[in-house]
PDB file of N, CA and C in Angstrom:
ATOM      1  N   MET A   1      -4.200  14.431   4.222  1.00  0.00           N
ATOM      2  CA  MET A   1      -5.157  12.902   4.069  1.00  0.00           C
ATOM      3  C   MET A   1      -4.969  12.337   5.367  1.00  0.00           C
ATOM      4  N   LYS A   2      -5.617  11.293   5.917  1.00  0.00           N
ATOM      5  CA  LYS A   2      -5.897  10.652   6.878  1.00  0.00           C
ATOM      6  C   LYS A   2      -5.358   9.148   6.687  1.00  0.00           C
ATOM      7  N   PRO A   3      -4.876   8.343   7.454  1.00  0.00           N
ATOM      8  CA  PRO A   3      -4.545   7.376   6.806  1.00  0.00           C
ATOM      9  C   PRO A   3      -5.769   6.117   6.896  1.00  0.00           C
ATOM     10  N   GLU A   4      -6.167   6.527   7.497  1.00  0.00           N
ATOM     11  CA  GLU A   4      -7.828   5.388   7.331  1.00  0.00           C
ATOM     12  C   GLU A   4      -8.148   5.393   5.682  1.00  0.00           C
ATOM     13  N   ASP A   5      -7.909   6.741   5.613  1.00  0.00           N
ATOM     14  CA  ASP A   5      -8.618   6.966   3.888  1.00  0.00           C
ATOM     15  C   ASP A   5      -7.683   6.405   2.867  1.00  0.00           C
ATOM     16  N   MET A   6      -6.092   6.148   3.217  1.00  0.00           N
ATOM     17  CA  MET A   6      -5.338   5.838   1.880  1.00  0.00           C
ATOM     18  C   MET A   6      -5.623   4.076   2.034  1.00  0.00           C
ATOM     19  N   GLN A   7      -5.685   3.888   3.213  1.00  0.00           N
ATOM     20  CA  GLN A   7      -6.450   2.556   3.606  1.00  0.00           C
ATOM     21  C   GLN A   7      -7.826   2.027   2.348  1.00  0.00           C
ATOM     22  N   LYS A   8      -8.376   3.056   3.030  1.00  0.00           N
ATOM     23  CA  LYS A   8     -10.216   2.364   2.235  1.00  0.00           C
ATOM     24  C   LYS A   8      -9.656   2.287   0.576  1.00  0.00           C
ATOM     25  N   LEU A   9      -9.016   2.977   0.336  1.00  0.00           N
ATOM     26  CA  LEU A   9      -8.762   3.458  -1.508  1.00  0.00           C
ATOM     27  C   LEU A   9      -7.562   2.575  -1.785  1.00  0.00           C
ATOM     28  N   VAL A  10      -6.566   1.996  -1.534  1.00  0.00           N
ATOM     29  CA  VAL A  10      -6.007   1.031  -1.553  1.00  0.00           C
ATOM     30  C   VAL A  10      -6.955  -0.403  -1.491  1.00  0.00           C
ATOM     31  N   ALA A  11      -7.417  -0.383  -0.691  1.00  0.00           N
ATOM     32  CA  ALA A  11      -8.076  -2.036  -0.250  1.00  0.00           C
ATOM     33  C   ALA A  11      -9.315  -2.222  -1.350  1.00  0.00           C
ATOM     34  N   GLU A  12      -9.344  -0.504  -1.330  1.00  0.00           N
ATOM     35  CA  GLU A  12     -10.509  -0.955  -2.694  1.00  0.00           C
ATOM     36  C   GLU A  12     -10.193  -1.174  -4.163  1.00  0.00           C
ATOM     37  N   ALA A  13      -9.320  -1.121  -4.440  1.00  0.00           N
ATOM     38  CA  ALA A  13      -8.584  -0.889  -5.875  1.00  0.00           C
ATOM     39  C   ALA A  13      -7.828  -2.324  -5.734  1.00  0.00           C
ATOM     40  N   ILE A  14      -7.397  -2.734  -4.682  1.00  0.00           N
ATOM     41  CA  ILE A  14      -6.702  -4.195  -5.137  1.00  0.00           C
ATOM     42  C   ILE A  14      -8.076  -5.090  -3.851  1.00  0.00           C
ATOM     43  N   PRO A  15      -8.645  -5.418  -4.344  1.00  0.00           N
ATOM     44  CA  PRO A  15     -10.017  -6.311  -3.619  1.00  0.00           C
ATOM     45  C   PRO A  15      -8.922  -7.453  -2.672  1.00  0.00           C
ATOM     46  N   GLY A  16      -9.269  -7.898  -1.797  1.00  0.00           N
ATOM     47  CA  GLY A  16      -8.920  -9.243  -1.073  1.00  0.00           C
ATOM     48  C   GLY A  16      -7.221  -8.894   0.079  1.00  0.00           C
ATOM     49  N   SER A  17      -7.187  -7.509  -0.336  1.00  0.00           N
ATOM     50  CA  SER A  17      -6.100  -7.246   0.132  1.00  0.00           C
ATOM     51  C   SER A  17      -5.483  -6.654   1.491  1.00  0.00           C
ATOM     52  N   ARG A  18      -5.134  -6.761   2.377  1.00  0.00           N
ATOM     53  CA  ARG A  18      -4.874  -6.401   3.982  1.00  0.00           C
ATOM     54  C   ARG A  18      -3.600  -5.310   3.450  1.00  0.00           C
ATOM     55  N   VAL A  19      -4.278  -3.959   3.824  1.00  0.00           N
ATOM     56  CA  VAL A  19      -3.766  -2.672   4.460  1.00  0.00           C
ATOM     57  C   VAL A  19      -3.249  -2.137   5.266  1.00  0.00           C
ATOM     58  N   GLU A  20      -2.409  -1.898   5.339  1.00  0.00           N
ATOM     59  CA  GLU A  20      -1.511  -0.953   7.007  1.00  0.00           C
ATOM     60  C   GLU A  20      -1.090   0.561   6.681  1.00  0.00           C
ATOM     61  N   VAL A  21      -1.733   1.234   7.419  1.00  0.00           N
ATOM     62  CA  VAL A  21      -1.206   2.179   6.737  1.00  0.00           C
ATOM     63  C   VAL A  21      -0.979   3.198   8.436  1.00  0.00           C
ATOM     64  N   GLU A  22       0.547   4.012   8.767  1.00  0.00           N
ATOM     65  CA  GLU A  22       0.816   5.015   9.819  1.00  0.00           C
ATOM     66  C   GLU A  22       1.016   6.089   8.972  1.00  0.00           C
ATOM     67  N   SER A  23       1.253   7.136   9.774  1.00  0.00           N
ATOM     68  CA  SER A  23       1.608   8.417   9.371  1.00  0.00           C
ATOM     69  C   SER A  23       1.690   9.207  10.633  1.00  0.00           C
ATOM     70  N   VAL A  24       2.671  10.380  10.813  1.00  0.00           N
ATOM     71  CA  VAL A  24       2.832  10.858  12.609  1.00  0.00           C
ATOM     72  C   VAL A  24       2.399  12.350  11.972  1.00  0.00           C
ATOM     73  N   ASP A  25       2.062  12.814  10.671  1.00  0.00           N
ATOM     74  CA  ASP A  25       1.876  14.296  10.399  1.00  0.00           C
ATOM     75  C   ASP A  25       0.563  14.317   9.145  1.00  0.00           C
ATOM     76  N   GLY A  26       0.460  13.219   8.686  1.00  0.00           N
ATOM     77  CA  GLY A  26      -0.720  13.149   7.905  1.00  0.00           C
ATOM     78  C   GLY A  26      -0.110  13.453   6.401  1.00  0.00           C
ATOM     79  N   ARG A  27       0.988  13.872   6.268  1.00  0.00           N
ATOM     80  CA  ARG A  27       1.625  14.070   4.837  1.00  0.00           C
ATOM     81  C   ARG A  27       2.537  12.957   4.161  1.00  0.00           C
ATOM     82  N   HIS A  28       3.240  12.148   5.483  1.00  0.00           N
ATOM     83  CA  HIS A  28       4.501  11.665   5.169  1.00  0.00           C
ATOM     84  C   HIS A  28       3.780   9.944   5.674  1.00  0.00           C
ATOM     85  N   PHE A  29       3.699   8.753   4.627  1.00  0.00           N
ATOM     86  CA  PHE A  29       3.304   7.635   5.026  1.00  0.00           C
ATOM     87  C   PHE A  29       4.063   6.710   5.045  1.00  0.00           C
ATOM     88  N   THR A  30       3.759   5.633   5.529  1.00  0.00           N
ATOM     89  CA  THR A  30       3.875   4.653   5.709  1.00  0.00           C
ATOM     90  C   THR A  30       3.376   3.009   5.235  1.00  0.00           C
ATOM     91  N   THR A  31       2.834   2.490   4.265  1.00  0.00           N
ATOM     92  CA  THR A  31       1.839   1.338   4.076  1.00  0.00           C
ATOM     93  C   THR A  31       2.777   0.056   3.549  1.00  0.00           C
ATOM     94  N   ARG A  32       1.929  -0.967   4.323  1.00  0.00           N
ATOM     95  CA  ARG A  32       2.269  -2.343   3.697  1.00  0.00           C
ATOM     96  C   ARG A  32       0.462  -2.604   3.630  1.00  0.00           C
ATOM     97  N   VAL A  33       1.278  -3.427   2.206  1.00  0.00           N
ATOM     98  CA  VAL A  33      -0.131  -4.209   1.359  1.00  0.00           C
ATOM     99  C   VAL A  33       0.163  -5.314   1.045  1.00  0.00           C
ATOM    100  N   ILE A  34      -0.318  -6.253   1.647  1.00  0.00           N
ATOM    101  CA  ILE A  34      -0.549  -7.867   1.905  1.00  0.00           C
ATOM    102  C   ILE A  34      -1.834  -8.299   0.541  1.00  0.00           C
ATOM    103  N   ALA A  35      -1.500  -8.716  -0.441  1.00  0.00           N
ATOM    104  CA  ALA A  35      -2.533  -9.122  -1.094  1.00  0.00           C
ATOM    105  C   ALA A  35      -1.556 -10.549  -2.219  1.00  0.00           C
ATOM    106  N   ALA A  36      -2.346 -11.463  -2.721  1.00  0.00           N
ATOM    107  CA  ALA A  36      -2.274 -12.129  -3.328  1.00  0.00           C
ATOM    108  C   ALA A  36      -2.633 -11.943  -4.511  1.00  0.00           C
ATOM    109  N   ALA A  37      -2.758 -10.789  -5.232  1.00  0.00           N
ATOM    110  CA  ALA A  37      -2.871 -10.354  -6.779  1.00  0.00           C
ATOM    111  C   ALA A  37      -1.341  -9.502  -6.710  1.00  0.00           C
ATOM    112  N   PHE A  38      -0.307  -9.659  -5.755  1.00  0.00           N
ATOM    113  CA  PHE A  38       0.546  -9.659  -6.591  1.00  0.00           C
ATOM    114  C   PHE A  38       1.655 -10.431  -6.318  1.00  0.00           C
ATOM    115  N   GLU A  39       1.088 -11.775  -6.678  1.00  0.00           N
ATOM    116  CA  GLU A  39       1.342 -12.526  -6.918  1.00  0.00           C
ATOM    117  C   GLU A  39       1.930 -12.978  -8.442  1.00  0.00           C
ATOM    118  N   GLY A  40       3.422 -13.321  -8.389  1.00  0.00           N
ATOM    119  CA  GLY A  40       3.981 -13.117 -10.085  1.00  0.00           C
ATOM    120  C   GLY A  40       4.848 -12.193 -10.388  1.00  0.00           C
ATOM    121  N   LEU A  41       4.723 -10.854  -9.707  1.00  0.00           N
ATOM    122  CA  LEU A  41       4.921  -9.418  -9.829  1.00  0.00           C
ATOM    123  C   LEU A  41       5.573  -8.828  -9.203  1.00  0.00           C
ATOM    124  N   PRO A  42       6.786  -8.020 -10.252  1.00  0.00           N
ATOM    125  CA  PRO A  42       8.010  -7.563  -9.583  1.00  0.00           C
ATOM    126  C   PRO A  42       7.918  -6.624  -8.254  1.00  0.00           C
ATOM    127  N   PRO A  43       8.798  -6.050  -7.544  1.00  0.00           N
ATOM    128  CA  PRO A  43       8.350  -4.995  -7.068  1.00  0.00           C
ATOM    129  C   PRO A  43       8.030  -3.985  -7.423  1.00  0.00           C
ATOM    130  N   VAL A  44       8.439  -3.590  -8.430  1.00  0.00           N
ATOM    131  CA  VAL A  44       8.191  -2.089  -9.069  1.00  0.00           C
ATOM    132  C   VAL A  44       6.373  -2.356  -9.444  1.00  0.00           C
ATOM    133  N   GLN A  45       5.917  -3.382 -10.091  1.00  0.00           N
ATOM    134  CA  GLN A  45       4.653  -3.583 -10.348  1.00  0.00           C
ATOM    135  C   GLN A  45       3.949  -3.281  -9.163  1.00  0.00           C
ATOM    136  N   ARG A  46       3.945  -4.111  -8.340  1.00  0.00           N
ATOM    137  CA  ARG A  46       3.401  -3.412  -6.967  1.00  0.00           C
ATOM    138  C   ARG A  46       3.309  -2.340  -6.347  1.00  0.00           C
ATOM    139  N   HIS A  47       4.276  -1.734  -6.433  1.00  0.00           N
ATOM    140  CA  HIS A  47       4.193  -0.302  -5.697  1.00  0.00           C
ATOM    141  C   HIS A  47       3.540   0.244  -6.777  1.00  0.00           C
ATOM    142  N   ARG A  48       3.579   0.459  -8.665  1.00  0.00           N
ATOM    143  CA  ARG A  48       2.828   1.210  -9.310  1.00  0.00           C
ATOM    144  C   ARG A  48       0.955   0.579  -8.835  1.00  0.00           C
ATOM    145  N   ARG A  49       0.972  -0.536  -8.657  1.00  0.00           N
ATOM    146  CA  ARG A  49      -0.505  -0.542  -8.497  1.00  0.00           C
ATOM    147  C   ARG A  49      -0.814   0.202  -7.045  1.00  0.00           C
ATOM    148  N   ILE A  50      -0.351   0.327  -6.455  1.00  0.00           N
ATOM    149  CA  ILE A  50      -0.737   0.967  -5.145  1.00  0.00           C
ATOM    150  C   ILE A  50      -0.497   2.432  -5.739  1.00  0.00           C
ATOM    151  N   TYR A  51       0.415   3.044  -6.547  1.00  0.00           N
ATOM    152  CA  TYR A  51       0.291   4.629  -6.616  1.00  0.00           C
ATOM    153  C   TYR A  51      -1.034   4.360  -7.230  1.00  0.00           C
ATOM    154  N   ALA A  52      -1.265   3.533  -8.445  1.00  0.00           N
ATOM    155  CA  ALA A  52      -2.525   4.171  -9.107  1.00  0.00           C
ATOM    156  C   ALA A  52      -4.127   4.116  -8.317  1.00  0.00           C
ATOM    157  N   ALA A  53      -3.435   3.067  -7.064  1.00  0.00           N
ATOM    158  CA  ALA A  53      -5.354   2.866  -6.375  1.00  0.00           C
ATOM    159  C   ALA A  53      -5.325   4.536  -5.825  1.00  0.00           C
ATOM    160  N   LEU A  54      -3.699   5.369  -5.409  1.00  0.00           N
ATOM    161  CA  LEU A  54      -3.796   6.884  -4.598  1.00  0.00           C
ATOM    162  C   LEU A  54      -4.233   8.102  -5.491  1.00  0.00           C
ATOM    163  N   GLY A  55      -4.111   7.373  -7.212  1.00  0.00           N
ATOM    164  CA  GLY A  55      -4.199   8.224  -7.968  1.00  0.00           C
ATOM    165  C   GLY A  55      -3.613   9.932  -7.599  1.00  0.00           C
ATOM    166  N   GLY A  56      -3.696  10.538  -7.544  1.00  0.00           N
ATOM    167  CA  GLY A  56      -2.921  11.975  -7.775  1.00  0.00           C
ATOM    168  C   GLY A  56      -2.704  12.460  -6.608  1.00  0.00           C
ATOM    169  N   GLN A  57      -3.369  11.949  -5.257  1.00  0.00           N
ATOM    170  CA  GLN A  57      -3.130  11.971  -4.212  1.00  0.00           C
ATOM    171  C   GLN A  57      -1.142  12.337  -4.119  1.00  0.00           C
ATOM    172  N   VAL A  58      -0.622  11.629  -4.400  1.00  0.00           N
ATOM    173  CA  VAL A  58       0.693  11.314  -4.209  1.00  0.00           C
ATOM    174  C   VAL A  58       1.787  12.989  -5.226  1.00  0.00           C
ATOM    175  N   GLY A  59       1.676  13.357  -3.999  1.00  0.00           N
ATOM    176  CA  GLY A  59       3.112  14.668  -4.348  1.00  0.00           C
ATOM    177  C   GLY A  59       2.127  16.170  -4.049  1.00  0.00           C
ATOM    178  N   THR A  60       0.512  15.882  -3.790  1.00  0.00           N
ATOM    179  CA  THR A  60      -0.152  16.481  -2.871  1.00  0.00           C
ATOM    180  C   THR A  60      -0.671  16.151  -2.020  1.00  0.00           C
ATOM    181  N   ALA A  61      -1.682  15.727  -1.313  1.00  0.00           N
ATOM    182  CA  ALA A  61      -1.942  15.456  -0.244  1.00  0.00           C
ATOM    183  C   ALA A  61      -0.878  14.298   0.875  1.00  0.00           C
ATOM    184  N   ILE A  62      -0.323  13.405  -0.362  1.00  0.00           N
ATOM    185  CA  ILE A  62       0.745  12.494   0.520  1.00  0.00           C
ATOM    186  C   ILE A  62       2.214  13.564   0.034  1.00  0.00           C
ATOM    187  N   HIS A  63       2.798  13.739   1.031  1.00  0.00           N
ATOM    188  CA  HIS A  63       4.128  14.445   0.491  1.00  0.00           C
ATOM    189  C   HIS A  63       5.402  13.054   0.075  1.00  0.00           C
ATOM    190  N   ALA A  64       5.224  11.970   1.241  1.00  0.00           N
ATOM    191  CA  ALA A  64       5.961  11.147   1.125  1.00  0.00           C
ATOM    192  C   ALA A  64       5.546   9.722   1.074  1.00  0.00           C
ATOM    193  N   LEU A  65       5.648   8.583   0.925  1.00  0.00           N
ATOM    194  CA  LEU A  65       5.683   7.551   0.870  1.00  0.00           C
ATOM    195  C   LEU A  65       6.352   6.550   0.981  1.00  0.00           C
ATOM    196  N   SER A  66       6.231   5.654   1.874  1.00  0.00           N
ATOM    197  CA  SER A  66       7.101   4.428   1.777  1.00  0.00           C
ATOM    198  C   SER A  66       6.349   3.248   1.822  1.00  0.00           C
ATOM    199  N   VAL A  67       6.724   1.946   0.938  1.00  0.00           N
ATOM    200  CA  VAL A  67       5.417   0.987   0.020  1.00  0.00           C
ATOM    201  C   VAL A  67       6.506   0.223   0.500  1.00  0.00           C
ATOM    202  N   GLN A  68       5.702  -1.301   1.339  1.00  0.00           N
ATOM    203  CA  GLN A  68       6.063  -2.774   1.580  1.00  0.00           C
ATOM    204  C   GLN A  68       5.194  -3.425   0.896  1.00  0.00           C
ATOM    205  N   ALA A  69       5.237  -4.490  -0.069  1.00  0.00           N
ATOM    206  CA  ALA A  69       3.989  -5.151  -0.926  1.00  0.00           C
ATOM    207  C   ALA A  69       4.722  -6.257  -0.897  1.00  0.00           C
ATOM    208  N   PHE A  70       3.556  -7.620  -0.533  1.00  0.00           N
ATOM    209  CA  PHE A  70       4.366  -8.753   0.023  1.00  0.00           C
ATOM    210  C   PHE A  70       2.843  -9.895  -0.616  1.00  0.00           C
ATOM    211  N   THR A  71       3.331 -10.754  -1.278  1.00  0.00           N
ATOM    212  CA  THR A  71       2.615 -12.202  -0.989  1.00  0.00           C
ATOM    213  C   THR A  71       1.816 -12.596   0.453  1.00  0.00           C
ATOM    214  N   PRO A  72       0.399 -13.046   0.270  1.00  0.00           N
ATOM    215  CA  PRO A  72       0.382 -14.016   1.545  1.00  0.00           C
ATOM    216  C   PRO A  72       1.728 -14.483   2.055  1.00  0.00           C
ATOM    217  N   GLU A  73       2.049 -15.470   1.017  1.00  0.00           N
ATOM    218  CA  GLU A  73       3.063 -16.374   1.111  1.00  0.00           C
ATOM    219  C   GLU A  73       4.015 -15.787   1.613  1.00  0.00           C
ATOM    220  N   GLU A  74       4.894 -14.773   1.487  1.00  0.00           N
ATOM    221  CA  GLU A  74       5.721 -13.685   2.018  1.00  0.00           C
ATOM    222  C   GLU A  74       5.816 -13.751   2.670  1.00  0.00           C
ATOM    223  N   TRP A  75       4.314 -13.056   3.300  1.00  0.00           N
ATOM    224  CA  TRP A  75       4.243 -12.435   4.409  1.00  0.00           C
ATOM    225  C   TRP A  75       4.365 -13.543   5.348  1.00  0.00           C
ATOM    226  N   GLU A  76       4.088 -14.764   5.323  1.00  0.00           N
ATOM    227  CA  GLU A  76       3.925 -15.893   6.228  1.00  0.00           C
ATOM    228  C   GLU A  76       5.782 -16.267   6.138  1.00  0.00           C
ATOM    229  N   ARG A  77       6.440 -16.199   5.554  1.00  0.00           N
ATOM    230  CA  ARG A  77       7.682 -17.052   5.553  1.00  0.00           C
ATOM    231  C   ARG A  77       8.153 -15.482   6.330  1.00  0.00           C
ATOM    232  N   ARG A  78       7.835 -14.003   6.230  1.00  0.00           N
ATOM    233  CA  ARG A  78       8.672 -13.403   6.918  1.00  0.00           C
ATOM    234  C   ARG A  78       8.598 -12.869   8.371  1.00  0.00           C
ATOM    235  N   ALA A  79       7.094 -13.428   8.686  1.00  0.00           N
ATOM    236  CA  ALA A  79       6.337 -13.295  10.170  1.00  0.00           C
ATOM    237  C   ALA A  79       7.210 -13.817  11.111  1.00  0.00           C
ATOM    238  N   PRO A  80       7.323 -13.854  12.239  1.00  0.00           N
ATOM    239  CA  PRO A  80       8.267 -14.510  13.006  1.00  0.00           C
ATOM    240  C   PRO A  80       6.939 -15.220  13.570  1.00  0.00           C
TER     241      PRO A  80
END
């Protein structure tokens, strides 16, 4: 899977989100998703939404996935 494909899947599933995806080999990915839709959700539910967007790709086309999920406010507080 290409990072652009993953980015598109997540962005379509979580409207209004900002999605960044990196991969060095097309099987191990790091993704950062910033979305107002995460407001009030604990980290595990945020991750579940991202995994749901990827469907059956995790474990097949995606061997490993590192997820960072923030609300816009959390991201603004975190950014320098």
